[in-house]
Structure formats: C-alpha cells, structure tokens
Amino acid sequence: MGLAPPWGWIFPILAVIGIAGVRIFFGRSELRAFLCSCLAIAGMLASAAFGIFPNVPPAAQDPRFSLTVYNASAATYGLTVGLVWWIPAFILVIGYFVLTYRV
C-alpha cells in the first residue's frame, strides 16, 4: 500500500474548519452555521472516500476480493445513457419543485 498524496489532507482540514464554523456561528447566523455544517459533513465524507480509494467496500479477509471503483462500475455505454437521461430528468424535477412551491 502506497502513501496517499499530500493534497488529501485538505478534506479533514475542511471538516475541522466546518465544525469550528458551526461553533462560531451557532446562535448568530443560522445560514452560516448551516453552511459550515454542510462543509463539515462534506469534508468528513470526502475524507472517508479518500482514505479507502480505490476500494468501495474493502474486503476483510483478502484484499483481492475488494470491490474497487474500477471493477464495480457499469460499462461506458450504461453510464453514458444514464447521464443523458439524468440531465433532462433533473431539469424536470427542478421545474416541478419550483411549480409546487409557487402554487
């Protein structure tokens, strides 16, 4: 197992900054406290993902049986079709929510 790149330290640092921001802005600015909590959660999730990359769930008994992002992904055609359908569907969802909240 090799060493992780040094830029990976940015994720736990962001998580700590987010937690400190929540502590600072709690009771003063709800929006800033919320955004800092979002930063903390994103930093923690990115830290966990960076820590186990390229394994998705690492195997406990033998590392050869681990699922990786390379052997667990769908074929290129399936990913392309999913992206082509996802973009218009997301636009429809945004339109639906805007309509629902305005009416």
PDB file of N, CA and C in Angstrom:
ATOM      1  N   MET A   1       0.843  -1.161   0.000  1.00  0.00           N
ATOM      2  CA  MET A   1       0.000   0.000   0.000  1.00  0.00           C
ATOM      3  C   MET A   1       0.897   1.235   0.000  1.00  0.00           C
ATOM      4  N   GLY A   2       0.672   2.153  -0.947  1.00  0.00           N
ATOM      5  CA  GLY A   2       1.499   3.347  -1.068  1.00  0.00           C
ATOM      6  C   GLY A   2       0.989   4.471  -0.189  1.00  0.00           C
ATOM      7  N   LEU A   3       1.777   5.500  -0.154  1.00  0.00           N
ATOM      8  CA  LEU A   3       1.389   6.681   0.605  1.00  0.00           C
ATOM      9  C   LEU A   3       0.342   7.480  -0.159  1.00  0.00           C
ATOM     10  N   ALA A   4      -0.562   8.079   0.578  1.00  0.00           N
ATOM     11  CA  ALA A   4      -1.594   8.918  -0.039  1.00  0.00           C
ATOM     12  C   ALA A   4      -0.975  10.253  -0.454  1.00  0.00           C
ATOM     13  N   PRO A   5      -1.488  10.856  -1.515  1.00  0.00           N
ATOM     14  CA  PRO A   5      -0.972  12.164  -1.926  1.00  0.00           C
ATOM     15  C   PRO A   5      -1.183  13.207  -0.824  1.00  0.00           C
ATOM     16  N   PRO A   6      -0.261  14.153  -0.688  1.00  0.00           N
ATOM     17  CA  PRO A   6      -0.379  15.140   0.402  1.00  0.00           C
ATOM     18  C   PRO A   6      -1.584  16.061   0.279  1.00  0.00           C
ATOM     19  N   TRP A   7      -2.143  16.238  -0.925  1.00  0.00           N
ATOM     20  CA  TRP A   7      -3.304  17.120  -1.061  1.00  0.00           C
ATOM     21  C   TRP A   7      -4.548  16.507  -0.428  1.00  0.00           C
ATOM     22  N   GLY A   8      -4.497  15.251  -0.028  1.00  0.00           N
ATOM     23  CA  GLY A   8      -5.631  14.615   0.639  1.00  0.00           C
ATOM     24  C   GLY A   8      -5.902  15.174   2.023  1.00  0.00           C
ATOM     25  N   TRP A   9      -4.929  15.882   2.602  1.00  0.00           N
ATOM     26  CA  TRP A   9      -5.129  16.494   3.916  1.00  0.00           C
ATOM     27  C   TRP A   9      -6.141  17.624   3.879  1.00  0.00           C
ATOM     28  N   ILE A  10      -6.471  18.117   2.695  1.00  0.00           N
ATOM     29  CA  ILE A  10      -7.420  19.236   2.592  1.00  0.00           C
ATOM     30  C   ILE A  10      -8.810  18.829   3.105  1.00  0.00           C
ATOM     31  N   PHE A  11      -9.191  17.567   2.931  1.00  0.00           N
ATOM     32  CA  PHE A  11     -10.539  17.133   3.322  1.00  0.00           C
ATOM     33  C   PHE A  11     -10.745  17.139   4.838  1.00  0.00           C
ATOM     34  N   PRO A  12      -9.853  16.552   5.640  1.00  0.00           N
ATOM     35  CA  PRO A  12     -10.059  16.667   7.094  1.00  0.00           C
ATOM     36  C   PRO A  12      -9.914  18.098   7.594  1.00  0.00           C
ATOM     37  N   ILE A  13      -9.063  18.887   6.946  1.00  0.00           N
ATOM     38  CA  ILE A  13      -8.928  20.293   7.345  1.00  0.00           C
ATOM     39  C   ILE A  13     -10.234  21.039   7.095  1.00  0.00           C
ATOM     40  N   LEU A  14     -10.872  20.772   5.945  1.00  0.00           N
ATOM     41  CA  LEU A  14     -12.177  21.384   5.663  1.00  0.00           C
ATOM     42  C   LEU A  14     -13.219  20.955   6.688  1.00  0.00           C
ATOM     43  N   ALA A  15     -13.181  19.686   7.092  1.00  0.00           N
ATOM     44  CA  ALA A  15     -14.131  19.209   8.103  1.00  0.00           C
ATOM     45  C   ALA A  15     -13.931  19.941   9.424  1.00  0.00           C
ATOM     46  N   VAL A  16     -12.687  20.126   9.824  1.00  0.00           N
ATOM     47  CA  VAL A  16     -12.403  20.822  11.085  1.00  0.00           C
ATOM     48  C   VAL A  16     -12.817  22.287  10.988  1.00  0.00           C
ATOM     49  N   ILE A  17     -12.549  22.923   9.848  1.00  0.00           N
ATOM     50  CA  ILE A  17     -12.976  24.316   9.654  1.00  0.00           C
ATOM     51  C   ILE A  17     -14.497  24.415   9.726  1.00  0.00           C
ATOM     52  N   GLY A  18     -15.195  23.455   9.121  1.00  0.00           N
ATOM     53  CA  GLY A  18     -16.650  23.464   9.174  1.00  0.00           C
ATOM     54  C   GLY A  18     -17.182  23.307  10.585  1.00  0.00           C
ATOM     55  N   ILE A  19     -16.580  22.412  11.360  1.00  0.00           N
ATOM     56  CA  ILE A  19     -17.012  22.217  12.743  1.00  0.00           C
ATOM     57  C   ILE A  19     -16.743  23.468  13.569  1.00  0.00           C
ATOM     58  N   ALA A  20     -15.580  24.079  13.366  1.00  0.00           N
ATOM     59  CA  ALA A  20     -15.263  25.316  14.086  1.00  0.00           C
ATOM     60  C   ALA A  20     -16.228  26.434  13.682  1.00  0.00           C
ATOM     61  N   GLY A  21     -16.586  26.475  12.392  1.00  0.00           N
ATOM     62  CA  GLY A  21     -17.528  27.492  11.932  1.00  0.00           C
ATOM     63  C   GLY A  21     -18.907  27.326  12.544  1.00  0.00           C
ATOM     64  N   VAL A  22     -19.338  26.086  12.692  1.00  0.00           N
ATOM     65  CA  VAL A  22     -20.633  25.847  13.353  1.00  0.00           C
ATOM     66  C   VAL A  22     -20.580  26.362  14.781  1.00  0.00           C
ATOM     67  N   ARG A  23     -19.480  26.085  15.448  1.00  0.00           N
ATOM     68  CA  ARG A  23     -19.324  26.535  16.840  1.00  0.00           C
ATOM     69  C   ARG A  23     -19.328  28.065  16.922  1.00  0.00           C
ATOM     70  N   ILE A  24     -18.709  28.716  15.946  1.00  0.00           N
ATOM     71  CA  ILE A  24     -18.623  30.179  15.951  1.00  0.00           C
ATOM     72  C   ILE A  24     -19.966  30.820  15.618  1.00  0.00           C
ATOM     73  N   PHE A  25     -20.641  30.304  14.584  1.00  0.00           N
ATOM     74  CA  PHE A  25     -21.849  30.959  14.088  1.00  0.00           C
ATOM     75  C   PHE A  25     -23.137  30.463  14.729  1.00  0.00           C
ATOM     76  N   PHE A  26     -23.072  29.431  15.578  1.00  0.00           N
ATOM     77  CA  PHE A  26     -24.286  28.919  16.210  1.00  0.00           C
ATOM     78  C   PHE A  26     -24.912  29.990  17.081  1.00  0.00           C
ATOM     79  N   GLY A  27     -26.158  30.316  16.810  1.00  0.00           N
ATOM     80  CA  GLY A  27     -26.873  31.330  17.573  1.00  0.00           C
ATOM     81  C   GLY A  27     -26.736  32.736  17.002  1.00  0.00           C
ATOM     82  N   ARG A  28     -25.797  32.933  16.081  1.00  0.00           N
ATOM     83  CA  ARG A  28     -25.612  34.253  15.485  1.00  0.00           C
ATOM     84  C   ARG A  28     -26.205  34.322  14.084  1.00  0.00           C
ATOM     85  N   SER A  29     -25.817  33.375  13.253  1.00  0.00           N
ATOM     86  CA  SER A  29     -26.275  33.364  11.865  1.00  0.00           C
ATOM     87  C   SER A  29     -26.616  31.931  11.482  1.00  0.00           C
ATOM     88  N   GLU A  30     -27.908  31.665  11.330  1.00  0.00           N
ATOM     89  CA  GLU A  30     -28.335  30.307  11.014  1.00  0.00           C
ATOM     90  C   GLU A  30     -27.803  29.842   9.665  1.00  0.00           C
ATOM     91  N   LEU A  31     -27.812  30.727   8.682  1.00  0.00           N
ATOM     92  CA  LEU A  31     -27.342  30.349   7.349  1.00  0.00           C
ATOM     93  C   LEU A  31     -25.864  29.984   7.372  1.00  0.00           C
ATOM     94  N   ARG A  32     -25.050  30.781   8.018  1.00  0.00           N
ATOM     95  CA  ARG A  32     -23.614  30.493   8.074  1.00  0.00           C
ATOM     96  C   ARG A  32     -23.345  29.223   8.863  1.00  0.00           C
ATOM     97  N   ALA A  33     -24.074  29.005   9.946  1.00  0.00           N
ATOM     98  CA  ALA A  33     -23.906  27.774  10.721  1.00  0.00           C
ATOM     99  C   ALA A  33     -24.312  26.563   9.887  1.00  0.00           C
ATOM    100  N   PHE A  34     -25.388  26.696   9.119  1.00  0.00           N
ATOM    101  CA  PHE A  34     -25.828  25.598   8.253  1.00  0.00           C
ATOM    102  C   PHE A  34     -24.792  25.305   7.179  1.00  0.00           C
ATOM    103  N   LEU A  35     -24.263  26.350   6.546  1.00  0.00           N
ATOM    104  CA  LEU A  35     -23.253  26.149   5.505  1.00  0.00           C
ATOM    105  C   LEU A  35     -21.978  25.544   6.078  1.00  0.00           C
ATOM    106  N   CYS A  36     -21.613  25.933   7.285  1.00  0.00           N
ATOM    107  CA  CYS A  36     -20.445  25.334   7.925  1.00  0.00           C
ATOM    108  C   CYS A  36     -20.694  23.865   8.262  1.00  0.00           C
ATOM    109  N   SER A  37     -21.920  23.527   8.671  1.00  0.00           N
ATOM    110  CA  SER A  37     -22.213  22.119   8.933  1.00  0.00           C
ATOM    111  C   SER A  37     -22.197  21.306   7.638  1.00  0.00           C
ATOM    112  N   CYS A  38     -22.639  21.920   6.545  1.00  0.00           N
ATOM    113  CA  CYS A  38     -22.544  21.243   5.239  1.00  0.00           C
ATOM    114  C   CYS A  38     -21.089  21.008   4.870  1.00  0.00           C
ATOM    115  N   LEU A  39     -20.238  21.993   5.116  1.00  0.00           N
ATOM    116  CA  LEU A  39     -18.805  21.858   4.847  1.00  0.00           C
ATOM    117  C   LEU A  39     -18.202  20.751   5.707  1.00  0.00           C
ATOM    118  N   ALA A  40     -18.599  20.681   6.969  1.00  0.00           N
ATOM    119  CA  ALA A  40     -18.075  19.643   7.863  1.00  0.00           C
ATOM    120  C   ALA A  40     -18.479  18.254   7.380  1.00  0.00           C
ATOM    121  N   ILE A  41     -19.736  18.081   6.994  1.00  0.00           N
ATOM    122  CA  ILE A  41     -20.202  16.777   6.517  1.00  0.00           C
ATOM    123  C   ILE A  41     -19.504  16.398   5.220  1.00  0.00           C
ATOM    124  N   ALA A  42     -19.402  17.356   4.289  1.00  0.00           N
ATOM    125  CA  ALA A  42     -18.728  17.080   3.021  1.00  0.00           C
ATOM    126  C   ALA A  42     -17.257  16.747   3.250  1.00  0.00           C
ATOM    127  N   GLY A  43     -16.613  17.453   4.155  1.00  0.00           N
ATOM    128  CA  GLY A  43     -15.211  17.167   4.460  1.00  0.00           C
ATOM    129  C   GLY A  43     -15.017  15.785   5.058  1.00  0.00           C
ATOM    130  N   MET A  44     -15.920  15.384   5.953  1.00  0.00           N
ATOM    131  CA  MET A  44     -15.813  14.055   6.558  1.00  0.00           C
ATOM    132  C   MET A  44     -16.077  12.951   5.543  1.00  0.00           C
ATOM    133  N   LEU A  45     -17.102  13.134   4.695  1.00  0.00           N
ATOM    134  CA  LEU A  45     -17.386  12.123   3.670  1.00  0.00           C
ATOM    135  C   LEU A  45     -16.245  12.020   2.663  1.00  0.00           C
ATOM    136  N   ALA A  46     -15.703  13.167   2.252  1.00  0.00           N
ATOM    137  CA  ALA A  46     -14.580  13.149   1.310  1.00  0.00           C
ATOM    138  C   ALA A  46     -13.350  12.516   1.953  1.00  0.00           C
ATOM    139  N   SER A  47     -13.128  12.745   3.239  1.00  0.00           N
ATOM    140  CA  SER A  47     -12.001  12.124   3.935  1.00  0.00           C
ATOM    141  C   SER A  47     -12.131  10.607   3.956  1.00  0.00           C
ATOM    142  N   ALA A  48     -13.342  10.136   4.234  1.00  0.00           N
ATOM    143  CA  ALA A  48     -13.559   8.686   4.258  1.00  0.00           C
ATOM    144  C   ALA A  48     -13.373   8.082   2.873  1.00  0.00           C
ATOM    145  N   ALA A  49     -13.918   8.745   1.851  1.00  0.00           N
ATOM    146  CA  ALA A  49     -13.779   8.234   0.493  1.00  0.00           C
ATOM    147  C   ALA A  49     -12.316   8.264   0.048  1.00  0.00           C
ATOM    148  N   PHE A  50     -11.602   9.328   0.372  1.00  0.00           N
ATOM    149  CA  PHE A  50     -10.196   9.444   0.005  1.00  0.00           C
ATOM    150  C   PHE A  50      -9.363   8.388   0.721  1.00  0.00           C
ATOM    151  N   GLY A  51      -9.748   8.072   1.945  1.00  0.00           N
ATOM    152  CA  GLY A  51      -8.993   7.110   2.738  1.00  0.00           C
ATOM    153  C   GLY A  51      -9.075   5.683   2.228  1.00  0.00           C
ATOM    154  N   ILE A  52     -10.201   5.301   1.636  1.00  0.00           N
ATOM    155  CA  ILE A  52     -10.331   3.918   1.167  1.00  0.00           C
ATOM    156  C   ILE A  52     -10.222   3.788  -0.345  1.00  0.00           C
ATOM    157  N   PHE A  53     -10.069   4.921  -1.077  1.00  0.00           N
ATOM    158  CA  PHE A  53      -9.969   4.855  -2.534  1.00  0.00           C
ATOM    159  C   PHE A  53      -8.798   3.983  -2.927  1.00  0.00           C
ATOM    160  N   PRO A  54      -8.893   3.124  -3.898  1.00  0.00           N
ATOM    161  CA  PRO A  54      -9.943   2.890  -4.872  1.00  0.00           C
ATOM    162  C   PRO A  54     -10.956   1.842  -4.430  1.00  0.00           C
ATOM    163  N   ASN A  55     -10.853   1.358  -3.183  1.00  0.00           N
ATOM    164  CA  ASN A  55     -11.815   0.348  -2.723  1.00  0.00           C
ATOM    165  C   ASN A  55     -13.144   1.002  -2.403  1.00  0.00           C
ATOM    166  N   VAL A  56     -14.224   0.306  -2.766  1.00  0.00           N
ATOM    167  CA  VAL A  56     -15.551   0.789  -2.396  1.00  0.00           C
ATOM    168  C   VAL A  56     -15.860   0.225  -1.016  1.00  0.00           C
ATOM    169  N   PRO A  57     -16.138  -1.077  -0.871  1.00  0.00           N
ATOM    170  CA  PRO A  57     -16.056  -1.683   0.459  1.00  0.00           C
ATOM    171  C   PRO A  57     -14.828  -2.593   0.470  1.00  0.00           C
ATOM    172  N   PRO A  58     -13.842  -2.331   1.300  1.00  0.00           N
ATOM    173  CA  PRO A  58     -12.674  -3.209   1.339  1.00  0.00           C
ATOM    174  C   PRO A  58     -13.017  -4.569   1.923  1.00  0.00           C
ATOM    175  N   ALA A  59     -12.427  -5.616   1.372  1.00  0.00           N
ATOM    176  CA  ALA A  59     -12.661  -6.969   1.873  1.00  0.00           C
ATOM    177  C   ALA A  59     -11.877  -7.177   3.164  1.00  0.00           C
ATOM    178  N   ALA A  60     -12.481  -7.876   4.104  1.00  0.00           N
ATOM    179  CA  ALA A  60     -11.837  -8.084   5.402  1.00  0.00           C
ATOM    180  C   ALA A  60     -10.797  -9.208   5.337  1.00  0.00           C
ATOM    181  N   GLN A  61     -11.090 -10.293   4.620  1.00  0.00           N
ATOM    182  CA  GLN A  61     -10.193 -11.437   4.625  1.00  0.00           C
ATOM    183  C   GLN A  61      -9.040 -11.300   3.635  1.00  0.00           C
ATOM    184  N   ASP A  62      -9.347 -10.950   2.403  1.00  0.00           N
ATOM    185  CA  ASP A  62      -8.320 -10.918   1.367  1.00  0.00           C
ATOM    186  C   ASP A  62      -8.533  -9.684   0.495  1.00  0.00           C
ATOM    187  N   PRO A  63      -7.547  -8.822   0.371  1.00  0.00           N
ATOM    188  CA  PRO A  63      -7.716  -7.605  -0.429  1.00  0.00           C
ATOM    189  C   PRO A  63      -8.037  -7.873  -1.903  1.00  0.00           C
ATOM    190  N   ARG A  64      -7.741  -9.074  -2.377  1.00  0.00           N
ATOM    191  CA  ARG A  64      -8.058  -9.398  -3.774  1.00  0.00           C
ATOM    192  C   ARG A  64      -9.558  -9.433  -4.025  1.00  0.00           C
ATOM    193  N   PHE A  65     -10.363  -9.625  -2.978  1.00  0.00           N
ATOM    194  CA  PHE A  65     -11.808  -9.715  -3.130  1.00  0.00           C
ATOM    195  C   PHE A  65     -12.522  -8.384  -2.918  1.00  0.00           C
ATOM    196  N   SER A  66     -11.787  -7.305  -2.759  1.00  0.00           N
ATOM    197  CA  SER A  66     -12.386  -5.986  -2.560  1.00  0.00           C
ATOM    198  C   SER A  66     -13.017  -5.489  -3.852  1.00  0.00           C
ATOM    199  N   LEU A  67     -14.148  -4.799  -3.710  1.00  0.00           N
ATOM    200  CA  LEU A  67     -14.715  -4.098  -4.855  1.00  0.00           C
ATOM    201  C   LEU A  67     -13.980  -2.776  -4.992  1.00  0.00           C
ATOM    202  N   THR A  68     -13.577  -2.465  -6.207  1.00  0.00           N
ATOM    203  CA  THR A  68     -12.918  -1.192  -6.451  1.00  0.00           C
ATOM    204  C   THR A  68     -13.805  -0.347  -7.359  1.00  0.00           C
ATOM    205  N   VAL A  69     -13.472   0.924  -7.489  1.00  0.00           N
ATOM    206  CA  VAL A  69     -14.257   1.788  -8.370  1.00  0.00           C
ATOM    207  C   VAL A  69     -14.105   1.356  -9.818  1.00  0.00           C
ATOM    208  N   TYR A  70     -13.062   0.605 -10.119  1.00  0.00           N
ATOM    209  CA  TYR A  70     -12.827   0.177 -11.495  1.00  0.00           C
ATOM    210  C   TYR A  70     -13.613  -1.085 -11.836  1.00  0.00           C
ATOM    211  N   ASN A  71     -13.653  -2.066 -10.929  1.00  0.00           N
ATOM    212  CA  ASN A  71     -14.371  -3.306 -11.261  1.00  0.00           C
ATOM    213  C   ASN A  71     -15.832  -3.286 -10.835  1.00  0.00           C
ATOM    214  N   ALA A  72     -16.273  -2.249 -10.124  1.00  0.00           N
ATOM    215  CA  ALA A  72     -17.676  -2.174  -9.711  1.00  0.00           C
ATOM    216  C   ALA A  72     -18.495  -1.222 -10.573  1.00  0.00           C
ATOM    217  N   SER A  73     -17.846  -0.497 -11.469  1.00  0.00           N
ATOM    218  CA  SER A  73     -18.583   0.473 -12.273  1.00  0.00           C
ATOM    219  C   SER A  73     -19.288  -0.200 -13.438  1.00  0.00           C
ATOM    220  N   ALA A  74     -20.292   0.475 -13.944  1.00  0.00           N
ATOM    221  CA  ALA A  74     -21.024  -0.027 -15.104  1.00  0.00           C
ATOM    222  C   ALA A  74     -20.194   0.209 -16.361  1.00  0.00           C
ATOM    223  N   ALA A  75     -20.658  -0.369 -17.441  1.00  0.00           N
ATOM    224  CA  ALA A  75     -19.974  -0.174 -18.715  1.00  0.00           C
ATOM    225  C   ALA A  75     -20.127   1.280 -19.162  1.00  0.00           C
ATOM    226  N   THR A  76     -19.248   1.719 -20.047  1.00  0.00           N
ATOM    227  CA  THR A  76     -19.267   3.102 -20.523  1.00  0.00           C
ATOM    228  C   THR A  76     -20.596   3.444 -21.178  1.00  0.00           C
ATOM    229  N   TYR A  77     -21.162   2.505 -21.934  1.00  0.00           N
ATOM    230  CA  TYR A  77     -22.446   2.762 -22.590  1.00  0.00           C
ATOM    231  C   TYR A  77     -23.542   3.020 -21.558  1.00  0.00           C
ATOM    232  N   GLY A  78     -23.607   2.218 -20.523  1.00  0.00           N
ATOM    233  CA  GLY A  78     -24.623   2.400 -19.489  1.00  0.00           C
ATOM    234  C   GLY A  78     -24.466   3.709 -18.744  1.00  0.00           C
ATOM    235  N   LEU A  79     -23.238   4.097 -18.454  1.00  0.00           N
ATOM    236  CA  LEU A  79     -23.001   5.378 -17.786  1.00  0.00           C
ATOM    237  C   LEU A  79     -23.392   6.552 -18.680  1.00  0.00           C
ATOM    238  N   THR A  80     -23.129   6.424 -19.987  1.00  0.00           N
ATOM    239  CA  THR A  80     -23.490   7.490 -20.926  1.00  0.00           C
ATOM    240  C   THR A  80     -25.001   7.633 -21.028  1.00  0.00           C
ATOM    241  N   VAL A  81     -25.698   6.515 -21.157  1.00  0.00           N
ATOM    242  CA  VAL A  81     -27.161   6.556 -21.242  1.00  0.00           C
ATOM    243  C   VAL A  81     -27.749   7.129 -19.954  1.00  0.00           C
ATOM    244  N   GLY A  82     -27.209   6.738 -18.813  1.00  0.00           N
ATOM    245  CA  GLY A  82     -27.692   7.271 -17.545  1.00  0.00           C
ATOM    246  C   GLY A  82     -27.509   8.771 -17.446  1.00  0.00           C
ATOM    247  N   LEU A  83     -26.363   9.266 -17.913  1.00  0.00           N
ATOM    248  CA  LEU A  83     -26.120  10.703 -17.877  1.00  0.00           C
ATOM    249  C   LEU A  83     -27.044  11.446 -18.830  1.00  0.00           C
ATOM    250  N   VAL A  84     -27.265  10.886 -20.003  1.00  0.00           N
ATOM    251  CA  VAL A  84     -28.152  11.528 -20.978  1.00  0.00           C
ATOM    252  C   VAL A  84     -29.578  11.606 -20.435  1.00  0.00           C
ATOM    253  N   TRP A  85     -30.045  10.596 -19.734  1.00  0.00           N
ATOM    254  CA  TRP A  85     -31.388  10.626 -19.162  1.00  0.00           C
ATOM    255  C   TRP A  85     -31.456  11.424 -17.868  1.00  0.00           C
ATOM    256  N   TRP A  86     -30.364  11.480 -17.134  1.00  0.00           N
ATOM    257  CA  TRP A  86     -30.374  12.155 -15.840  1.00  0.00           C
ATOM    258  C   TRP A  86     -30.512  13.664 -15.990  1.00  0.00           C
ATOM    259  N   ILE A  87     -29.841  14.248 -16.954  1.00  0.00           N
ATOM    260  CA  ILE A  87     -29.861  15.714 -17.107  1.00  0.00           C
ATOM    261  C   ILE A  87     -31.275  16.236 -17.359  1.00  0.00           C
ATOM    262  N   PRO A  88     -32.033  15.727 -18.363  1.00  0.00           N
ATOM    263  CA  PRO A  88     -33.402  16.238 -18.533  1.00  0.00           C
ATOM    264  C   PRO A  88     -34.313  15.896 -17.354  1.00  0.00           C
ATOM    265  N   ALA A  89     -34.088  14.742 -16.735  1.00  0.00           N
ATOM    266  CA  ALA A  89     -34.919  14.374 -15.586  1.00  0.00           C
ATOM    267  C   ALA A  89     -34.685  15.340 -14.424  1.00  0.00           C
ATOM    268  N   PHE A  90     -33.457  15.745 -14.202  1.00  0.00           N
ATOM    269  CA  PHE A  90     -33.150  16.681 -13.130  1.00  0.00           C
ATOM    270  C   PHE A  90     -33.749  18.044 -13.412  1.00  0.00           C
ATOM    271  N   ILE A  91     -33.726  18.467 -14.650  1.00  0.00           N
ATOM    272  CA  ILE A  91     -34.359  19.734 -15.027  1.00  0.00           C
ATOM    273  C   ILE A  91     -35.864  19.666 -14.770  1.00  0.00           C
ATOM    274  N   LEU A  92     -36.487  18.535 -15.088  1.00  0.00           N
ATOM    275  CA  LEU A  92     -37.915  18.360 -14.801  1.00  0.00           C
ATOM    276  C   LEU A  92     -38.196  18.399 -13.306  1.00  0.00           C
ATOM    277  N   VAL A  93     -37.349  17.781 -12.520  1.00  0.00           N
ATOM    278  CA  VAL A  93     -37.541  17.782 -11.064  1.00  0.00           C
ATOM    279  C   VAL A  93     -37.437  19.202 -10.513  1.00  0.00           C
ATOM    280  N   ILE A  94     -36.452  19.960 -10.978  1.00  0.00           N
ATOM    281  CA  ILE A  94     -36.315  21.349 -10.530  1.00  0.00           C
ATOM    282  C   ILE A  94     -37.552  22.152 -10.913  1.00  0.00           C
ATOM    283  N   GLY A  95     -38.032  21.981 -12.147  1.00  0.00           N
ATOM    284  CA  GLY A  95     -39.251  22.665 -12.571  1.00  0.00           C
ATOM    285  C   GLY A  95     -40.455  22.279 -11.737  1.00  0.00           C
ATOM    286  N   TYR A  96     -40.566  20.997 -11.403  1.00  0.00           N
ATOM    287  CA  TYR A  96     -41.677  20.523 -10.583  1.00  0.00           C
ATOM    288  C   TYR A  96     -41.640  21.160  -9.188  1.00  0.00           C
ATOM    289  N   PHE A  97     -40.466  21.214  -8.575  1.00  0.00           N
ATOM    290  CA  PHE A  97     -40.364  21.801  -7.245  1.00  0.00           C
ATOM    291  C   PHE A  97     -40.652  23.296  -7.268  1.00  0.00           C
ATOM    292  N   VAL A  98     -40.180  23.977  -8.290  1.00  0.00           N
ATOM    293  CA  VAL A  98     -40.465  25.416  -8.404  1.00  0.00           C
ATOM    294  C   VAL A  98     -41.969  25.618  -8.546  1.00  0.00           C
ATOM    295  N   LEU A  99     -42.596  24.842  -9.401  1.00  0.00           N
ATOM    296  CA  LEU A  99     -44.052  24.947  -9.591  1.00  0.00           C
ATOM    297  C   LEU A  99     -44.794  24.616  -8.301  1.00  0.00           C
ATOM    298  N   THR A 100     -44.391  23.561  -7.642  1.00  0.00           N
ATOM    299  CA  THR A 100     -45.067  23.136  -6.418  1.00  0.00           C
ATOM    300  C   THR A 100     -44.971  24.211  -5.325  1.00  0.00           C
ATOM    301  N   TYR A 101     -43.798  24.781  -5.138  1.00  0.00           N
ATOM    302  CA  TYR A 101     -43.629  25.766  -4.078  1.00  0.00           C
ATOM    303  C   TYR A 101     -44.238  27.111  -4.432  1.00  0.00           C
ATOM    304  N   ARG A 102     -44.392  27.417  -5.702  1.00  0.00           N
ATOM    305  CA  ARG A 102     -45.034  28.676  -6.073  1.00  0.00           C
ATOM    306  C   ARG A 102     -46.556  28.572  -6.000  1.00  0.00           C
ATOM    307  N   VAL A 103     -47.091  27.409  -6.258  1.00  0.00           N
ATOM    308  CA  VAL A 103     -48.539  27.222  -6.218  1.00  0.00           C
ATOM    309  C   VAL A 103     -48.914  26.821  -4.814  1.00  0.00           C
TER     310      VAL A 103
END
